[in-house]
Structure formats: structure tokens, C-alpha cells
């Protein structure tokens, strides 16, 4: 499996580069990338806004070659998250299933990926749900790659999966949906530990 880790956002509600905020003495992006590296054969990190700072931070903590990390820049990050997904998928060379993951979900661990992967063999995708709220990572069969690349940039993962065979993985683990979008969610994260 390859993970496409989306780290291109503007962090408008945070009003600063949220992926560089500290959590357990490391930047937020460290935790998402660490889990993706442990669960995947390769991780493609898509940067955009703050790309220089994020790339520098990743290189401080990870040997890109040893961990099979590829950093690609979305030069038009204002086109949104689905466009960043397309940018990442263009760099996916191997005929492998892939996970779509968000860099602002720091509670995701290797085990979260592993819990989902057994269900992919009979479905187009596997999506975790926490209390009926859809979460990430979303595991996708390689067959979805050309479809995603052909869709308009204003699509979403929700609209992509609408008419697909999707295994809904019901979980009581908030990690699948706990993203850091604003100062309040960041303070909640810090209060967990």
C-alpha cells in the first residue's frame, strides 16, 4: 500500500501553519507521517501552502530515502483537497492500493491503517466511521486511480465514493475523525495527554 498524505492546506481557521504546531514535543505532521511510513511501502506527501517550512520540518525528522518518502508540491493548492489528491496520485507508479490520509489527524497510528486493510480485497474502498461521521485514512483499490485523475478538481472524496462499493468500517475510536482545524480543536488535543 502507498499512502497519499495531504499536507497542502492553508490552515485558514488556525491562521498559521497548523501542521508545524507542537504535539508531544514534535510538530503535528510528524505523527501523521510516522504512522503512514510504518503502515505503507511508500508515502507521497503533498505540500502546497507553507511547502518550504513543511518540507524542511519533514527532512529534520525523517530520512526521505530510508523511509521511502516522496514529497510533491501542489503548485495550485487553492484548488483544494481533491486537487492535492490528484497531484499525489500522479506520482503513484506502482500498481498498488493506496490510502488517502490527512496530515492534521495526529492520533492516527499504524494500527488504524492495519484495522482497515483486510476489508479492501472485496471493495473499491474502505472508509472508517466514528459515530456515523466519515473519517480518514480512506483505503482505495488501484482501480480508482484513473477515475480520480479524470474527475474535476472540485470533487470530494465523499462524492467520489457515492456510487462505489465501499466498506464502512464502524469504529468507536475518535482518532479517525479528530482533525486539528482551529485553536479549539488544538487545545482539545493538548488536553488528551
Foldseek 3Di string as FASTA:
>chain_A
DEEEEEQADPLVQAPDRQQQDDDPRAGLLVQVVQQRLVQDPAYEYEYHVVVVVVVVSCVVPDDCVVSRYHYDYDPCCVLDDLVSVLRRLVPDDDQFKYWYHYSQLNVDHNVVVVVFPVPAPVWQWEWEDAPNHTFDGIIGHSVCSVVSNPDDSPDDVCNSCVPTGYHYHYDNDCSRPQGDRHPVSVVVSNVVD
